[in-house]
Amino acid sequence: MADKSNDGSHQPRKSKKERVWTNAEMKYLALELAEEKKQLVVRLETLALKKSSNNQVFEEISKDFEKLLLSDEFKEENERANLLDLLSRKSVQETRPL
């Protein structure tokens, strides 16, 4: 039997720190997935039912979503959302009793 004490297989996995999505990013992803012309959600569901590979659909989603994130429309909405969030947090902090 091989000695596994030094092969690294018993070391705990390091958890990846997940990125926190903004509300604007989540909104744009939902809109991208729900777009009728592309039918991405329907295609993913169909492939899942057939137990087929859906990597091509996920690559398409990723590519299209990256384009959306780089658009001026998204950048403006994201900046507005971040500003509103910041103002909201500041307002809550100012109204807290000492």
Protein backbone atom coordinates (compact mmCIF):
# COMPACT_ATOMS: atom_id res chain seq x y z
CA MET A 1 0.00 0.00 0.00
CA ALA A 2 1.40 3.39 -0.98
CA ASP A 3 2.12 6.00 1.65
CA LYS A 4 -0.22 8.98 1.10
CA SER A 5 1.12 11.11 3.93
CA ASN A 6 3.09 13.43 1.64
CA ASP A 7 0.99 13.48 -1.53
CA GLY A 8 -1.16 16.44 -0.50
CA SER A 9 -4.42 14.54 -0.90
CA HIS A 10 -5.33 14.91 2.77
CA GLN A 11 -4.87 18.66 2.96
CA PRO A 12 -8.07 20.66 3.35
CA ARG A 13 -9.21 22.51 0.26
CA LYS A 14 -8.70 26.23 0.28
CA SER A 15 -12.03 27.91 -0.25
CA LYS A 16 -12.14 30.34 -3.12
CA LYS A 17 -13.35 33.78 -2.22
CA GLU A 18 -16.42 34.35 -4.31
CA ARG A 19 -16.95 37.68 -5.97
CA VAL A 20 -19.96 39.66 -4.81
CA TRP A 21 -22.22 40.64 -7.69
CA THR A 22 -23.80 44.06 -7.87
CA ASN A 23 -27.55 44.40 -8.33
CA ALA A 24 -26.96 45.79 -11.81
CA GLU A 25 -24.85 42.76 -12.77
CA MET A 26 -27.53 40.37 -11.55
CA LYS A 27 -30.22 42.31 -13.42
CA TYR A 28 -28.26 42.27 -16.67
CA LEU A 29 -27.47 38.55 -16.36
CA ALA A 30 -31.16 37.78 -15.77
CA LEU A 31 -32.11 39.87 -18.80
CA GLU A 32 -29.48 38.10 -20.91
CA LEU A 33 -30.70 34.66 -19.85
CA ALA A 34 -34.35 35.58 -20.43
CA GLU A 35 -33.88 37.13 -23.87
CA GLU A 36 -36.44 35.52 -26.19
CA LYS A 37 -34.34 35.52 -29.37
CA LYS A 38 -31.46 33.54 -27.85
CA GLN A 39 -33.59 31.30 -25.59
CA LEU A 40 -30.57 30.53 -23.42
CA VAL A 41 -32.58 29.22 -20.46
CA VAL A 42 -34.67 26.98 -22.71
CA ARG A 43 -31.54 25.63 -24.39
CA LEU A 44 -29.88 24.93 -21.03
CA GLU A 45 -32.99 23.17 -19.73
CA THR A 46 -33.29 21.07 -22.90
CA LEU A 47 -29.63 20.03 -22.72
CA ALA A 48 -30.00 19.18 -19.03
CA LEU A 49 -33.02 16.98 -19.76
CA LYS A 50 -31.04 15.19 -22.47
CA LYS A 51 -28.01 15.01 -20.14
CA SER A 52 -25.99 16.65 -22.91
CA SER A 53 -23.00 18.92 -22.60
CA ASN A 54 -23.99 22.54 -22.20
CA ASN A 55 -20.51 24.06 -22.29
CA GLN A 56 -21.17 25.77 -25.61
CA VAL A 57 -24.23 27.53 -24.20
CA PHE A 58 -22.34 28.62 -21.07
CA GLU A 59 -19.51 29.97 -23.25
CA GLU A 60 -22.05 31.94 -25.28
CA ILE A 61 -23.62 33.31 -22.08
CA SER A 62 -20.21 34.29 -20.75
CA LYS A 63 -19.20 36.03 -23.98
CA ASP A 64 -22.48 37.94 -24.30
CA PHE A 65 -22.49 38.89 -20.62
CA GLU A 66 -18.93 40.25 -20.84
CA LYS A 67 -20.05 42.46 -23.75
CA LEU A 68 -22.93 43.74 -21.63
CA LEU A 69 -20.63 44.51 -18.70
CA LEU A 70 -18.41 46.58 -20.98
CA SER A 71 -21.32 48.57 -22.44
CA ASP A 72 -21.80 52.23 -21.52
CA GLU A 73 -25.41 51.52 -20.55
CA PHE A 74 -24.33 48.96 -17.94
CA LYS A 75 -21.52 51.13 -16.60
CA GLU A 76 -23.91 54.05 -16.09
CA GLU A 77 -26.53 51.90 -14.36
CA ASN A 78 -23.93 50.23 -12.16
CA GLU A 79 -22.51 53.60 -11.09
CA ARG A 80 -26.03 54.85 -10.25
CA ALA A 81 -26.76 51.68 -8.25
CA ASN A 82 -23.47 51.92 -6.37
CA LEU A 83 -24.10 55.59 -5.55
CA LEU A 84 -27.62 54.84 -4.30
CA ASP A 85 -26.30 51.96 -2.20
CA LEU A 86 -23.59 54.17 -0.71
CA LEU A 87 -26.08 56.94 0.08
CA SER A 88 -28.47 54.41 1.61
CA ARG A 89 -25.77 52.99 3.89
CA LYS A 90 -24.66 56.48 4.89
CA SER A 91 -28.25 57.43 5.71
CA VAL A 92 -28.66 54.33 7.91
CA GLN A 93 -25.43 55.09 9.75
CA GLU A 94 -26.49 58.68 10.40
CA THR A 95 -29.85 57.64 11.86
CA ARG A 96 -28.48 55.03 14.28
CA PRO A 97 -28.70 56.03 17.93
CA LEU A 98 -25.45 56.37 19.86
